[in-house]
């Protein structure tokens, strides 16, 4: 999992491969660490993700809800239709905003920042 910051406010996390429960727990921990440092705006790049364990999406949703309570949000970019369908199957479709490009996702934060 790669991490880059687009600005002092937006954190981009780059995910790759098959994301299992352990990966989602690690992601939850990483997001929590950034939230503790008062970073509340996250973009998750799923362009390199082949599969997500649907049970782990709940952990991701928990962190998204925490970020929203703090005035931020979690956006997803680069997701394949297959991965989007896993969010639907897990019952979290509509809970996350999906974008094709990083720039679009960053612009979507403008009203929050």
Protein backbone atom coordinates (compact mmCIF):
# COMPACT_ATOMS: atom_id res chain seq x y z
CA UNK A 1 0.00 0.00 0.00
CA UNK A 2 1.48 3.32 -1.03
CA UNK A 3 0.82 6.67 0.60
CA UNK A 4 1.20 10.13 -0.85
CA UNK A 5 -0.15 13.47 0.24
CA UNK A 6 -1.67 15.72 -2.39
CA UNK A 7 -1.59 18.69 -0.06
CA UNK A 8 -1.39 19.08 3.67
CA UNK A 9 -5.07 18.20 3.77
CA UNK A 10 -5.65 15.34 1.28
CA UNK A 11 -4.07 11.93 1.80
CA UNK A 12 -3.99 9.52 -1.15
CA UNK A 13 -3.64 5.83 -0.34
CA UNK A 14 -2.72 3.58 -3.25
CA UNK A 15 -3.96 0.01 -2.91
CA UNK A 16 -2.89 -2.96 -5.02
CA UNK A 17 -3.73 -6.61 -5.59
CA UNK A 18 -6.24 -8.60 -3.59
CA UNK A 19 -7.39 -6.77 -0.46
CA UNK A 20 -8.26 -9.19 2.33
CA UNK A 21 -9.50 -8.65 5.89
CA UNK A 22 -5.98 -8.15 7.24
CA UNK A 23 -5.31 -5.51 4.59
CA UNK A 24 -8.53 -3.70 5.47
CA UNK A 25 -7.63 -3.77 9.17
CA UNK A 26 -4.21 -2.31 8.29
CA UNK A 27 -5.90 0.35 6.15
CA UNK A 28 -8.25 1.17 9.03
CA UNK A 29 -5.22 1.65 11.27
CA UNK A 30 -3.45 3.87 8.75
CA UNK A 31 -6.51 6.07 8.28
CA UNK A 32 -6.95 6.26 12.07
CA UNK A 33 -3.35 7.43 12.44
CA UNK A 34 -3.90 10.21 9.90
CA UNK A 35 -7.16 11.23 11.61
CA UNK A 36 -5.27 11.51 14.91
CA UNK A 37 -2.90 13.91 13.11
CA UNK A 38 -5.94 15.92 11.96
CA UNK A 39 -5.96 14.73 8.36
CA UNK A 40 -9.60 14.05 7.51
CA UNK A 41 -9.65 13.95 3.68
CA UNK A 42 -8.77 10.65 2.02
CA UNK A 43 -8.63 9.37 -1.53
CA UNK A 44 -8.27 5.62 -1.94
CA UNK A 45 -6.83 4.62 -5.29
CA UNK A 46 -8.27 1.23 -6.21
CA UNK A 47 -6.90 1.22 -9.78
CA UNK A 48 -4.46 -1.58 -8.92
CA UNK A 49 -6.98 -3.63 -6.92
CA UNK A 50 -8.21 -6.93 -8.35
CA UNK A 51 -10.46 -8.05 -5.49
CA UNK A 52 -11.73 -6.82 -2.11
CA UNK A 53 -12.99 -9.11 0.63
CA UNK A 54 -16.53 -7.81 1.11
CA UNK A 55 -16.39 -8.35 4.88
CA UNK A 56 -13.54 -5.85 5.08
CA UNK A 57 -15.57 -3.06 3.48
CA UNK A 58 -17.28 -2.60 6.84
CA UNK A 59 -13.95 -1.51 8.38
CA UNK A 60 -13.45 0.97 5.58
CA UNK A 61 -16.94 2.33 6.14
CA UNK A 62 -16.19 2.80 9.85
CA UNK A 63 -13.20 5.00 9.02
CA UNK A 64 -15.22 6.94 6.44
CA UNK A 65 -17.86 7.65 9.08
CA UNK A 66 -15.17 8.77 11.54
CA UNK A 67 -13.64 11.08 8.93
CA UNK A 68 -17.08 12.56 8.21
CA UNK A 69 -17.70 13.23 11.90
CA UNK A 70 -14.45 15.22 11.86
CA UNK A 71 -15.60 17.18 8.79
CA UNK A 72 -13.74 15.12 6.17
CA UNK A 73 -14.54 12.19 3.91
CA UNK A 74 -13.18 9.18 2.03
CA UNK A 75 -13.40 9.09 -1.78
CA UNK A 76 -12.52 6.18 -4.07
CA UNK A 77 -10.84 6.48 -7.47
CA UNK A 78 -9.90 4.05 -10.22
CA UNK A 79 -12.20 1.23 -9.14
CA UNK A 80 -13.13 -1.42 -11.68
CA UNK A 81 -16.78 -2.34 -12.19
CA UNK A 82 -16.06 -5.66 -10.48
CA UNK A 83 -14.81 -3.93 -7.32
CA UNK A 84 -17.72 -1.47 -7.40
CA UNK A 85 -20.07 -4.46 -7.51
CA UNK A 86 -18.40 -5.83 -4.38
CA UNK A 87 -19.35 -2.62 -2.56
CA UNK A 88 -22.90 -3.12 -3.82
CA UNK A 89 -22.92 -6.77 -2.70
CA UNK A 90 -21.57 -5.79 0.74
CA UNK A 91 -24.42 -3.29 1.16
CA UNK A 92 -22.26 -0.16 0.97
CA UNK A 93 -23.18 1.15 -2.46
CA UNK A 94 -24.07 4.81 -2.13
CA UNK A 95 -22.00 5.13 1.04
CA UNK A 96 -18.86 6.03 -0.92
CA UNK A 97 -18.25 8.47 -3.76
CA UNK A 98 -16.45 6.90 -6.74
CA UNK A 99 -14.43 8.98 -9.20
CA UNK A 100 -12.44 8.14 -12.31
CA UNK A 101 -9.54 10.50 -11.62
CA UNK A 102 -7.69 11.87 -8.62
CA UNK A 103 -8.28 15.46 -9.72
CA UNK A 104 -12.06 14.93 -9.68
CA UNK A 105 -11.93 13.51 -6.18
CA UNK A 106 -9.77 16.39 -4.93
CA UNK A 107 -12.23 18.92 -6.39
CA UNK A 108 -15.06 17.16 -4.57
CA UNK A 109 -13.43 18.13 -1.28
CA UNK A 110 -13.40 21.85 -2.08
CA UNK A 111 -16.71 22.48 -0.33
CA UNK A 112 -15.38 20.75 2.81
CA UNK A 113 -11.96 22.37 3.05
